[in-house]
Amino acid sequence: MIGLDELFSVAGKVALVTGGGRGIGLMITEALVASGARVYIASRKREVCEKVAAQLGGDEHCIGLGADLSTEAGVVGLADEIKRREARLHILVNNSGAAWGAPLEDFPWGAWDKVLDLNLIAPFVLTRELLPLLARAGTAADPARVVNVGSMLGTITKSWTAYSYAASKAGLHHITRIFANELAERHITVNAIAPGPFDTEMMKQAARNEASREMVANGIPLKRWGTAEDAAGAVLFLCSRAGAYVSGAIIPLDGGASARS
């Protein structure tokens, strides 16, 4: 039996975290860097990614890139950039996402294209484009890992008026299972986390109002919001030796909310 430090370590691995400069993506990035990985982070706001990368130790530990993942060109361009820089990619975290909320009667056509492109199509295409690097990194004992950041809203039947967001995350969960089945023979595991409320930009209206924050917490069986440690623990488990035999899982990271619904 290997020691606990080694069991949950990702030392020496190369990772890409989309949207890794803020929110849950930043929580994941910080955890991977702290555990010894060298992490690329990418989003449309390149300056944010570069600033975060510098704070986390610069090129030896974290590299910030710019990429508009709402377009095919942006997704393929990011994959090509990683291919130019690396021969192998051990960890891919598909985290970038967008949300749109509006009452059912007012929910616009455009809210579907924007959200589905970034939340569902981009992770599919980026994973497809990076398959050669992932396959080169994976072994039977230590597969390459794809972690998709889904949502509690992709598993329950309450939309909170975020119809396209909920549907996109449900689709991402299903693609996770399909990829887990199809990529296993290449020594690649594919899993998803399905977060509930975390203090992120997407949840800022509720997070920064004390009454709303308390109301949200009261709707969670564990009566609290998720923390950076919660996100870190789930992702380090999936990406380290500890999670090497887990694939096709949608892990609820929601304080028990989806189990109660």
Protein backbone atom coordinates (compact mmCIF):
# COMPACT_ATOMS: atom_id res chain seq x y z
CA MET A 1 0.00 0.00 0.00
CA ILE A 2 1.46 3.37 -1.00
CA GLY A 3 1.52 6.28 1.43
CA LEU A 4 -1.31 8.80 1.58
CA ASP A 5 0.83 11.64 0.24
CA GLU A 6 1.65 9.63 -2.87
CA LEU A 7 -1.89 8.30 -3.18
CA PHE A 8 -3.35 11.79 -3.63
CA SER A 9 -0.39 13.36 -5.44
CA VAL A 10 -0.35 14.64 -9.01
CA ALA A 11 3.33 15.57 -8.88
CA GLY A 12 4.97 15.74 -12.29
CA LYS A 13 1.72 15.72 -14.24
CA VAL A 14 0.73 18.29 -16.85
CA ALA A 15 -2.81 19.67 -16.68
CA LEU A 16 -5.06 22.04 -18.57
CA VAL A 17 -7.90 23.78 -16.74
CA THR A 18 -10.22 25.88 -18.88
CA GLY A 19 -11.57 28.88 -17.03
CA GLY A 20 -8.84 28.24 -14.48
CA GLY A 21 -8.38 31.89 -13.53
CA ARG A 22 -11.44 32.32 -11.36
CA GLY A 23 -14.26 30.58 -9.52
CA ILE A 24 -14.22 26.80 -9.25
CA GLY A 25 -11.62 26.67 -12.01
CA LEU A 26 -9.23 28.68 -9.86
CA MET A 27 -9.94 26.44 -6.86
CA ILE A 28 -9.04 23.43 -9.01
CA THR A 29 -5.93 25.11 -10.43
CA GLU A 30 -4.63 26.02 -6.98
CA ALA A 31 -5.16 22.44 -5.77
CA LEU A 32 -3.37 20.88 -8.74
CA VAL A 33 -0.41 23.28 -8.48
CA ALA A 34 -0.15 22.74 -4.72
CA SER A 35 -0.07 18.98 -5.32
CA GLY A 36 2.80 19.20 -7.79
CA ALA A 37 1.23 19.49 -11.25
CA ARG A 38 2.22 22.02 -13.88
CA VAL A 39 -1.03 23.63 -14.96
CA TYR A 40 -2.08 25.54 -18.06
CA ILE A 41 -5.09 27.78 -17.55
CA ALA A 42 -7.02 29.37 -20.39
CA SER A 43 -9.96 31.68 -20.89
CA ARG A 44 -11.08 34.59 -23.03
CA LYS A 45 -9.55 36.95 -20.44
CA ARG A 46 -5.89 36.16 -21.04
CA GLU A 47 -4.70 38.90 -18.69
CA VAL A 48 -6.58 37.31 -15.80
CA CYS A 49 -5.01 33.93 -16.52
CA GLU A 50 -1.53 35.41 -16.80
CA LYS A 51 -1.94 37.26 -13.51
CA VAL A 52 -3.10 34.12 -11.71
CA ALA A 53 -0.28 32.09 -13.27
CA ALA A 54 2.31 34.59 -12.03
CA GLN A 55 0.82 34.45 -8.54
CA LEU A 56 1.07 30.65 -8.55
CA GLY A 57 4.73 30.58 -9.45
CA GLY A 58 5.03 31.33 -13.14
CA ASP A 59 5.95 28.99 -15.98
CA GLU A 60 7.44 26.29 -13.78
CA HIS A 61 4.08 25.79 -12.07
CA CYS A 62 1.33 27.60 -14.00
CA ILE A 63 0.99 29.10 -17.48
CA GLY A 64 -1.78 31.48 -18.52
CA LEU A 65 -3.17 31.35 -22.06
CA GLY A 66 -5.91 33.19 -23.93
CA ALA A 67 -8.66 31.33 -25.78
CA ASP A 68 -12.23 32.10 -26.79
CA LEU A 69 -13.80 28.73 -26.11
CA SER A 70 -17.20 29.81 -27.39
CA THR A 71 -15.93 29.29 -30.96
CA GLU A 72 -14.59 26.26 -32.81
CA ALA A 73 -11.51 28.22 -33.86
CA GLY A 74 -10.81 29.17 -30.27
CA VAL A 75 -11.12 25.60 -29.01
CA VAL A 76 -8.98 24.11 -31.78
CA GLY A 77 -6.47 26.94 -31.40
CA LEU A 78 -6.07 26.19 -27.69
CA ALA A 79 -5.58 22.48 -28.40
CA ASP A 80 -2.96 23.31 -31.03
CA GLU A 81 -1.14 25.57 -28.56
CA ILE A 82 -1.00 22.79 -25.97
CA LYS A 83 0.22 20.36 -28.65
CA ARG A 84 3.03 22.76 -29.55
CA ARG A 85 4.14 22.99 -25.94
CA GLU A 86 3.62 19.46 -24.62
CA ALA A 87 4.07 15.87 -25.79
CA ARG A 88 1.65 14.56 -23.14
CA LEU A 89 -1.34 15.85 -21.20
CA HIS A 90 -2.18 13.93 -18.04
CA ILE A 91 -5.20 15.95 -16.88
CA LEU A 92 -7.86 17.92 -18.75
CA VAL A 93 -10.41 19.84 -16.70
CA ASN A 94 -13.27 21.21 -18.81
CA ASN A 95 -14.50 23.99 -16.54
CA SER A 96 -15.28 27.06 -18.65
CA GLY A 97 -18.98 27.81 -18.73
CA ALA A 98 -21.72 30.38 -19.02
CA ALA A 99 -25.19 30.72 -17.55
CA TRP A 100 -28.38 32.53 -18.52
CA GLY A 101 -31.41 33.04 -16.33
CA ALA A 102 -34.80 34.40 -17.34
CA PRO A 103 -38.46 33.53 -16.71
CA LEU A 104 -39.81 30.82 -19.00
CA GLU A 105 -42.05 33.25 -20.89
CA ASP A 106 -39.07 35.52 -21.63
CA PHE A 107 -36.34 32.95 -22.19
CA PRO A 108 -34.72 33.90 -25.54
CA TRP A 109 -33.47 31.82 -28.43
CA GLY A 110 -30.00 33.28 -28.06
CA ALA A 111 -29.68 31.94 -24.53
CA TRP A 112 -29.42 28.45 -25.99
CA ASP A 113 -26.66 28.95 -28.57
CA LYS A 114 -24.35 30.85 -26.26
CA VAL A 115 -24.68 28.47 -23.32
CA LEU A 116 -24.62 25.19 -25.24
CA ASP A 117 -21.63 26.26 -27.32
CA LEU A 118 -19.47 26.95 -24.27
CA ASN A 119 -20.84 24.42 -21.78
CA LEU A 120 -21.31 21.37 -23.98
CA ILE A 121 -19.84 21.66 -27.46
CA ALA A 122 -16.51 23.19 -26.39
CA PRO A 123 -15.68 20.43 -23.86
CA PHE A 124 -16.57 17.79 -26.45
CA VAL A 125 -14.34 19.35 -29.13
CA LEU A 126 -11.45 20.14 -26.79
CA THR A 127 -11.40 16.59 -25.47
CA ARG A 128 -11.51 15.25 -29.02
CA GLU A 129 -8.65 17.49 -30.14
CA LEU A 130 -6.44 16.60 -27.16
CA LEU A 131 -6.97 12.83 -27.38
CA PRO A 132 -3.47 12.15 -28.81
CA LEU A 133 -1.78 13.88 -25.87
CA LEU A 134 -4.08 12.25 -23.32
CA ALA A 135 -3.59 8.78 -24.80
CA ARG A 136 0.17 9.27 -24.80
CA ALA A 137 0.09 10.15 -21.10
CA GLY A 138 -2.19 7.37 -19.87
CA THR A 139 -1.22 3.89 -18.72
CA ALA A 140 -3.27 1.01 -17.36
CA ALA A 141 -2.12 1.74 -13.79
CA ASP A 142 -2.25 5.52 -14.10
CA PRO A 143 -4.70 6.65 -16.80
CA ALA A 144 -4.94 10.15 -18.17
CA ARG A 145 -7.89 11.99 -16.65
CA VAL A 146 -10.67 14.13 -18.07
CA VAL A 147 -12.77 15.92 -15.46
CA ASN A 148 -15.85 17.78 -16.66
CA VAL A 149 -17.35 20.42 -14.41
CA GLY A 150 -21.08 19.84 -14.59
CA SER A 151 -23.67 21.09 -12.14
CA MET A 152 -26.24 20.04 -9.61
CA LEU A 153 -28.75 21.58 -12.04
CA GLY A 154 -27.80 18.89 -14.55
CA THR A 155 -29.12 16.19 -12.23
CA ILE A 156 -32.24 17.64 -10.60
CA THR A 157 -35.53 18.80 -12.12
CA LYS A 158 -35.45 22.36 -10.83
CA SER A 159 -34.16 24.95 -13.25
CA TRP A 160 -34.19 28.16 -11.18
CA THR A 161 -34.97 29.66 -14.62
CA ALA A 162 -31.54 28.65 -15.97
CA TYR A 163 -33.07 26.37 -18.60
CA SER A 164 -30.26 26.22 -21.13
CA TYR A 165 -27.61 25.99 -18.40
CA ALA A 166 -29.36 23.03 -16.74
CA ALA A 167 -29.82 21.26 -20.09
CA SER A 168 -26.20 21.88 -21.09
CA LYS A 169 -24.91 20.38 -17.85
CA ALA A 170 -27.19 17.36 -18.15
CA GLY A 171 -25.78 16.89 -21.65
CA LEU A 172 -22.23 17.23 -20.32
CA HIS A 173 -22.94 14.55 -17.72
CA HIS A 174 -24.14 12.19 -20.45
CA ILE A 175 -21.15 12.90 -22.70
CA THR A 176 -18.98 12.14 -19.67
CA ARG A 177 -20.44 8.64 -19.45
CA ILE A 178 -20.19 8.08 -23.20
CA PHE A 179 -16.54 9.16 -23.28
CA ALA A 180 -15.76 7.03 -20.22
CA ASN A 181 -16.97 4.00 -22.15
CA GLU A 182 -15.29 4.86 -25.44
CA LEU A 183 -11.91 6.08 -24.14
CA ALA A 184 -11.21 3.43 -21.52
CA GLU A 185 -9.23 1.30 -23.96
CA ARG A 186 -6.90 4.27 -24.51
CA HIS A 187 -6.21 4.46 -20.75
CA ILE A 188 -8.23 7.64 -20.24
CA THR A 189 -10.79 8.00 -17.47
CA VAL A 190 -13.61 10.52 -17.80
CA ASN A 191 -15.60 11.77 -14.83
CA ALA A 192 -17.59 14.83 -13.85
CA ILE A 193 -18.20 16.79 -10.69
CA ALA A 194 -21.63 18.34 -10.25
CA PRO A 195 -21.23 21.34 -7.93
CA GLY A 196 -23.98 22.99 -5.97
CA PRO A 197 -23.58 26.57 -4.68
CA PHE A 198 -20.01 27.87 -4.50
CA ASP A 199 -18.89 31.48 -4.04
CA THR A 200 -18.16 32.23 -7.70
CA GLU A 201 -18.82 34.96 -10.23
CA MET A 202 -21.78 33.00 -11.56
CA MET A 203 -23.35 32.99 -8.08
CA LYS A 204 -22.28 36.49 -7.11
CA GLN A 205 -25.75 37.97 -6.68
CA ALA A 206 -26.71 35.37 -4.11
CA ALA A 207 -23.24 35.08 -2.57
CA ARG A 208 -22.83 38.78 -1.82
CA ASN A 209 -26.21 39.32 -0.24
CA GLU A 210 -26.38 37.95 3.29
CA ALA A 211 -30.08 37.15 3.19
CA SER A 212 -29.78 35.37 -0.18
CA ARG A 213 -26.67 33.57 0.93
CA GLU A 214 -28.44 32.23 4.01
CA MET A 215 -31.50 31.24 1.98
CA VAL A 216 -29.35 29.23 -0.44
CA ALA A 217 -27.49 27.55 2.43
CA ASN A 218 -30.77 26.61 4.09
CA GLY A 219 -31.78 24.78 0.91
CA ILE A 220 -28.73 22.52 1.21
CA PRO A 221 -28.93 19.54 3.60
CA LEU A 222 -25.46 20.34 5.00
CA LYS A 223 -26.56 23.98 5.44
CA ARG A 224 -23.55 25.62 3.83
CA TRP A 225 -21.96 26.68 0.57
CA GLY A 226 -19.12 24.73 -1.03
CA THR A 227 -15.54 25.79 -0.33
CA ALA A 228 -12.23 25.68 -2.17
CA GLU A 229 -11.26 22.68 -0.07
CA ASP A 230 -14.38 20.81 -1.21
CA ALA A 231 -13.53 21.37 -4.88
CA ALA A 232 -9.87 20.54 -4.32
CA GLY A 233 -10.64 17.27 -2.54
CA ALA A 234 -12.92 15.99 -5.27
CA VAL A 235 -10.58 16.83 -8.14
CA LEU A 236 -7.41 15.59 -6.46
CA PHE A 237 -9.15 12.30 -5.77
CA LEU A 238 -10.16 11.92 -9.42
CA CYS A 239 -6.77 12.99 -10.83
CA SER A 240 -4.45 11.11 -8.48
CA ARG A 241 -3.73 7.41 -8.00
CA ALA A 242 -6.60 7.37 -5.51
CA GLY A 243 -9.12 7.76 -8.35
CA ALA A 244 -7.43 5.69 -11.03
CA TYR A 245 -10.19 3.05 -11.03
CA VAL A 246 -13.07 5.54 -11.22
CA SER A 247 -14.56 6.37 -14.62
CA GLY A 248 -17.99 7.40 -15.82
CA ALA A 249 -18.94 8.89 -12.45
CA ILE A 250 -20.92 12.07 -11.92
CA ILE A 251 -19.85 13.07 -8.43
CA PRO A 252 -22.32 15.32 -6.60
CA LEU A 253 -20.49 18.19 -4.92
CA ASP A 254 -23.58 19.84 -3.50
CA GLY A 255 -23.88 19.14 0.20
CA GLY A 256 -26.53 16.49 -0.39
CA ALA A 257 -28.93 18.70 -2.36
CA SER A 258 -29.34 16.41 -5.37
CA ALA A 259 -29.97 13.39 -3.15
CA ARG A 260 -32.87 15.19 -1.51
CA SER A 261 -34.56 16.46 -4.67
